[in-house]
Amino acid sequence: MKRHIPFERLHNFRDLGGYQAENGSTVRWGLLYRSDSLGKLTGGDWDRFLGLGVRSVIDLRYPWEIEAKGRIPEHESLTYHNLSIEHRPYDQAALGPGVETGPFLAEKYMEVAHDGVKELRRALEVIATAGNGPVVFHCASGKDRTGLVAALVLTLLGVPEQRVIDDFTLTELATERLLHDWRADHPGQEPAWPGYGRAPADVMRLFLTALTRQHGSVRDYTRNLLGIDDAWETALRRNLLEPAPAPGPAPASRHTDRD
């Protein structure tokens, strides 16, 4: 199975399946996707997207972003949720070159984790209860807001922290195409911030460390602030995890009787 699913206009569409979790289980392929803005879906991209059988779309952008850039086309097979988890807008491209990527974005993620409690809770609820088909969640570039939600879901599924961090850094494979889109929208300009479109590991590592330091663990954060109880976590795992194969019968003993 391929983690990165190629599209003409989408640059960061990925399947979250295949990650090893606790007790030998594995995240199922083809049920949970993360992406950059689905407002870019047209033509052959749209046909390819529909072929994935997605039933629920979670758009993590601000309403004004959607108004400016568009949303996924309406379709009878799709349920659409706009859950703007970020409450303090800022312009990444305009940040100065002296802003250190890891600490700055980790702090922004902490803001989102505390400002967007209501929306994050609903996003996890949609994912946990989506028994009728695959789910995709996205923001503009599929990096920051999308990365935060992916980190929470993978952690609740029991995926080790290093794999969560590794998944975040895969956006680096899309950085140049994301920068190309920005330049197309800003002719003759370059982002002032060298960190624009980047996803270094220390961003997610610092965020998870800060969340754990403040709340005890990522799971404690989801339980105490988001209200994700045992029933929700069980539903999430039931829907998205492939249990470890049952052990086969022990091999028969091969003793030879001798006279």
Protein backbone atom coordinates (compact mmCIF):
# COMPACT_ATOMS: atom_id res chain seq x y z
CA MET A 1 0.00 0.00 0.00
CA LYS A 2 1.17 3.56 -0.73
CA ARG A 3 1.14 6.18 2.00
CA HIS A 4 1.38 9.12 -0.41
CA ILE A 5 -1.47 9.22 -2.91
CA PRO A 6 -0.56 11.29 -5.98
CA PHE A 7 -2.80 14.10 -7.21
CA GLU A 8 -2.13 16.87 -9.70
CA ARG A 9 -3.09 19.74 -7.39
CA LEU A 10 -2.95 18.17 -3.95
CA HIS A 11 0.60 17.92 -2.64
CA ASN A 12 0.28 16.37 0.80
CA PHE A 13 -2.47 13.72 0.65
CA ARG A 14 -1.46 10.73 2.76
CA ASP A 15 -2.94 7.52 4.13
CA LEU A 16 -2.41 7.12 7.87
CA GLY A 17 -2.62 3.33 7.65
CA GLY A 18 0.16 0.86 8.26
CA TYR A 19 1.59 2.24 11.49
CA GLN A 20 2.28 -0.34 14.19
CA ALA A 21 0.40 0.29 17.43
CA GLU A 22 0.15 -1.37 20.83
CA ASN A 23 -0.28 -5.12 21.31
CA GLY A 24 0.78 -5.92 17.77
CA SER A 25 -2.15 -4.12 16.12
CA THR A 26 -1.79 -1.98 12.99
CA VAL A 27 -3.63 1.10 11.75
CA ARG A 28 -5.87 -0.01 8.89
CA TRP A 29 -5.13 1.25 5.39
CA GLY A 30 -7.72 3.21 3.44
CA LEU A 31 -9.78 4.51 6.37
CA LEU A 32 -8.09 7.72 7.53
CA TYR A 33 -6.40 10.30 5.33
CA ARG A 34 -4.71 13.66 5.93
CA SER A 35 -4.34 16.32 3.25
CA ASP A 36 -3.74 19.87 2.16
CA SER A 37 -6.76 21.89 1.01
CA LEU A 38 -9.40 19.82 -0.77
CA GLY A 39 -10.67 23.05 -2.27
CA LYS A 40 -8.10 22.40 -5.01
CA LEU A 41 -9.88 19.25 -6.23
CA THR A 42 -10.94 19.49 -9.87
CA GLY A 43 -11.08 17.29 -12.97
CA GLY A 44 -9.13 14.08 -12.73
CA ASP A 45 -8.15 14.83 -9.13
CA TRP A 46 -11.83 14.89 -8.18
CA ASP A 47 -12.47 11.56 -9.86
CA ARG A 48 -9.47 10.01 -8.13
CA PHE A 49 -10.64 11.36 -4.77
CA LEU A 50 -14.15 9.95 -5.21
CA GLY A 51 -12.58 6.60 -6.04
CA LEU A 52 -11.18 6.41 -2.49
CA GLY A 53 -14.73 6.11 -1.14
CA VAL A 54 -14.33 8.90 1.43
CA ARG A 55 -17.55 9.56 3.33
CA SER A 56 -16.57 12.28 5.86
CA VAL A 57 -14.47 15.42 5.33
CA ILE A 58 -13.17 17.52 8.21
CA ASP A 59 -12.02 20.97 7.07
CA LEU A 60 -9.86 22.53 9.83
CA ARG A 61 -9.55 25.96 8.20
CA TYR A 62 -11.10 29.28 9.19
CA PRO A 63 -14.36 30.15 7.40
CA TRP A 64 -12.61 33.12 5.78
CA GLU A 65 -9.97 30.79 4.33
CA ILE A 66 -12.71 28.66 2.83
CA GLU A 67 -14.43 31.72 1.39
CA ALA A 68 -11.18 32.87 -0.20
CA LYS A 69 -9.85 29.53 -1.44
CA GLY A 70 -12.93 27.35 -1.75
CA ARG A 71 -13.97 24.06 -0.18
CA ILE A 72 -14.38 20.52 -1.43
CA PRO A 73 -17.23 20.26 -3.96
CA GLU A 74 -20.53 19.08 -2.55
CA HIS A 75 -21.38 15.48 -3.31
CA GLU A 76 -24.15 13.17 -2.15
CA SER A 77 -21.61 10.66 -0.79
CA LEU A 78 -19.84 13.19 1.46
CA THR A 79 -20.60 14.64 4.88
CA TYR A 80 -18.72 17.90 5.36
CA HIS A 81 -17.61 19.38 8.71
CA ASN A 82 -15.92 22.77 9.07
CA LEU A 83 -14.13 22.71 12.43
CA SER A 84 -11.77 25.65 12.71
CA ILE A 85 -9.45 24.50 15.51
CA GLU A 86 -7.14 27.53 15.31
CA HIS A 87 -8.49 30.72 16.90
CA ARG A 88 -5.56 33.15 16.55
CA PRO A 89 -4.70 33.75 12.88
CA TYR A 90 -1.15 34.67 11.89
CA ASP A 91 0.82 34.91 8.64
CA GLN A 92 3.61 32.33 8.59
CA ALA A 93 5.15 33.59 5.37
CA ALA A 94 5.60 37.07 6.86
CA LEU A 95 7.54 35.91 9.92
CA GLY A 96 11.10 37.17 10.10
CA PRO A 97 14.16 35.01 9.41
CA GLY A 98 15.09 35.12 13.10
CA VAL A 99 12.04 33.06 14.14
CA GLU A 100 13.16 29.53 15.04
CA THR A 101 10.83 27.01 13.40
CA GLY A 102 10.63 24.32 16.10
CA PRO A 103 9.95 26.41 19.22
CA PHE A 104 7.67 28.87 17.40
CA LEU A 105 5.38 26.28 15.82
CA ALA A 106 5.33 24.10 18.94
CA GLU A 107 4.06 27.11 20.89
CA LYS A 108 1.42 27.76 18.22
CA TYR A 109 0.30 24.13 18.43
CA MET A 110 -0.07 24.51 22.19
CA GLU A 111 -2.30 27.54 21.59
CA VAL A 112 -4.46 25.52 19.21
CA ALA A 113 -4.62 22.59 21.65
CA HIS A 114 -6.12 24.90 24.29
CA ASP A 115 -8.10 27.36 22.15
CA GLY A 116 -9.72 24.75 19.93
CA VAL A 117 -10.96 22.29 22.55
CA LYS A 118 -14.54 22.26 21.28
CA GLU A 119 -13.55 21.77 17.63
CA LEU A 120 -10.85 19.20 18.38
CA ARG A 121 -13.29 17.18 20.45
CA ARG A 122 -15.78 17.17 17.59
CA ALA A 123 -13.10 16.22 15.04
CA LEU A 124 -12.05 13.22 17.12
CA GLU A 125 -15.69 12.29 17.60
CA VAL A 126 -16.28 12.29 13.84
CA ILE A 127 -13.22 10.09 13.29
CA ALA A 128 -14.11 7.70 16.13
CA THR A 129 -17.69 7.19 15.02
CA ALA A 130 -17.23 7.13 11.23
CA GLY A 131 -18.33 3.57 10.75
CA ASN A 132 -19.76 4.16 7.26
CA GLY A 133 -16.51 4.82 5.41
CA PRO A 134 -13.14 6.59 5.25
CA VAL A 135 -12.46 10.05 6.72
CA VAL A 136 -10.12 12.77 5.50
CA PHE A 137 -9.11 15.81 7.54
CA HIS A 138 -7.22 18.78 6.13
CA CYS A 139 -6.22 22.40 6.52
CA ALA A 140 -4.46 24.64 3.97
CA SER A 141 -1.10 22.91 3.55
CA GLY A 142 -1.85 19.74 5.52
CA LYS A 143 0.97 20.44 7.94
CA ASP A 144 0.17 22.31 11.16
CA ARG A 145 -3.49 21.99 12.09
CA THR A 146 -3.67 18.69 10.22
CA GLY A 147 -0.45 17.54 11.88
CA LEU A 148 -1.82 18.28 15.33
CA VAL A 149 -4.99 16.23 14.73
CA ALA A 150 -2.96 13.39 13.23
CA ALA A 151 -0.69 13.36 16.29
CA LEU A 152 -3.66 13.12 18.67
CA VAL A 153 -5.34 10.33 16.71
CA LEU A 154 -2.20 8.25 16.23
CA THR A 155 -1.30 8.60 19.90
CA LEU A 156 -4.78 7.48 20.99
CA LEU A 157 -4.39 4.49 18.69
CA GLY A 158 -1.21 3.53 20.51
CA VAL A 159 1.30 4.45 17.79
CA PRO A 160 4.74 5.15 19.36
CA GLU A 161 5.77 8.78 19.67
CA GLN A 162 8.68 8.49 17.25
CA ARG A 163 6.35 7.20 14.51
CA VAL A 164 4.00 10.12 15.22
CA ILE A 165 6.92 12.51 14.77
CA ASP A 166 8.06 10.71 11.62
CA ASP A 167 4.59 11.04 10.13
CA PHE A 168 4.67 14.78 10.76
CA THR A 169 8.00 15.20 8.97
CA LEU A 170 6.67 13.57 5.77
CA THR A 171 5.27 17.00 4.84
CA GLU A 172 8.88 17.88 3.96
CA LEU A 173 8.34 15.84 0.77
CA ALA A 174 5.67 18.37 -0.25
CA THR A 175 7.47 21.57 0.82
CA GLU A 176 8.68 22.61 -2.64
CA ARG A 177 5.23 22.18 -4.20
CA LEU A 178 3.62 24.10 -1.33
CA LEU A 179 6.15 26.89 -1.88
CA HIS A 180 5.34 26.85 -5.59
CA ASP A 181 1.66 27.43 -4.78
CA TRP A 182 2.55 30.34 -2.48
CA ARG A 183 4.72 31.95 -5.16
CA ALA A 184 1.92 31.55 -7.69
CA ASP A 185 -0.38 33.49 -5.34
CA HIS A 186 2.31 36.13 -4.66
CA PRO A 187 4.06 36.84 -7.99
CA GLY A 188 7.60 38.12 -7.65
CA GLN A 189 7.73 37.51 -3.89
CA GLU A 190 9.41 35.05 -1.57
CA PRO A 191 8.29 34.09 1.94
CA ALA A 192 10.16 36.15 4.53
CA TRP A 193 10.29 33.12 6.84
CA PRO A 194 12.70 30.30 5.93
CA GLY A 195 10.49 27.91 7.92
CA TYR A 196 7.49 28.35 5.63
CA GLY A 197 6.25 24.97 4.42
CA ARG A 198 8.81 23.11 6.52
CA ALA A 199 8.06 20.28 8.97
CA PRO A 200 11.21 19.50 10.96
CA ALA A 201 10.95 16.81 13.63
CA ASP A 202 11.64 19.18 16.52
CA VAL A 203 8.30 20.95 15.94
CA MET A 204 6.25 17.88 16.83
CA ARG A 205 8.74 16.64 19.42
CA LEU A 206 8.64 19.94 21.30
CA PHE A 207 4.85 20.10 21.08
CA LEU A 208 4.34 16.58 22.44
CA THR A 209 6.86 17.25 25.21
CA ALA A 210 5.08 20.49 26.19
CA LEU A 211 1.65 18.84 26.13
CA THR A 212 2.93 15.99 28.30
CA ARG A 213 4.66 18.35 30.71
CA GLN A 214 1.48 20.38 31.21
CA HIS A 215 -1.10 17.58 31.25
CA GLY A 216 0.78 14.42 32.22
CA SER A 217 0.45 12.75 28.81
CA VAL A 218 -1.23 13.25 25.46
CA ARG A 219 -3.97 10.84 26.55
CA ASP A 220 -4.51 12.82 29.77
CA TYR A 221 -4.91 15.96 27.67
CA THR A 222 -7.55 14.33 25.46
CA ARG A 223 -9.40 12.94 28.46
CA ASN A 224 -9.30 15.93 30.79
CA LEU A 225 -9.69 18.77 28.28
CA LEU A 226 -11.38 17.18 25.27
CA GLY A 227 -13.50 14.69 27.20
CA ILE A 228 -12.36 11.66 25.18
CA ASP A 229 -13.46 8.84 27.49
CA ASP A 230 -12.91 5.08 27.35
CA ALA A 231 -15.94 4.55 25.08
CA TRP A 232 -14.65 7.00 22.47
CA GLU A 233 -11.14 5.61 22.57
CA THR A 234 -12.50 2.07 22.25
CA ALA A 235 -14.59 3.12 19.24
CA LEU A 236 -11.59 4.80 17.65
CA ARG A 237 -9.47 1.67 18.04
CA ARG A 238 -12.25 -0.65 16.90
CA ASN A 239 -12.78 1.36 13.72
CA LEU A 240 -9.16 2.04 12.81
CA LEU A 241 -6.99 -0.78 14.16
CA GLU A 242 -6.34 -4.18 12.65
CA PRO A 243 -5.80 -6.56 15.58
CA ALA A 244 -2.66 -8.63 15.76
CA PRO A 245 -3.05 -12.04 14.09
CA ALA A 246 -4.09 -14.75 16.49
CA PRO A 247 -1.22 -17.12 17.30
CA GLY A 248 -1.38 -20.33 15.35
CA PRO A 249 -1.35 -23.77 16.91
CA ALA A 250 1.91 -24.92 18.39
CA PRO A 251 3.88 -27.14 16.02
CA ALA A 252 3.41 -30.84 16.60
CA SER A 253 6.10 -32.59 18.57
CA ARG A 254 8.37 -34.72 16.40
CA HIS A 255 9.49 -37.50 18.69
CA THR A 256 10.58 -40.77 17.10
CA ASP A 257 10.08 -43.97 19.03
CA ARG A 258 13.07 -46.23 18.88
CA ASP A 259 13.30 -49.89 19.86
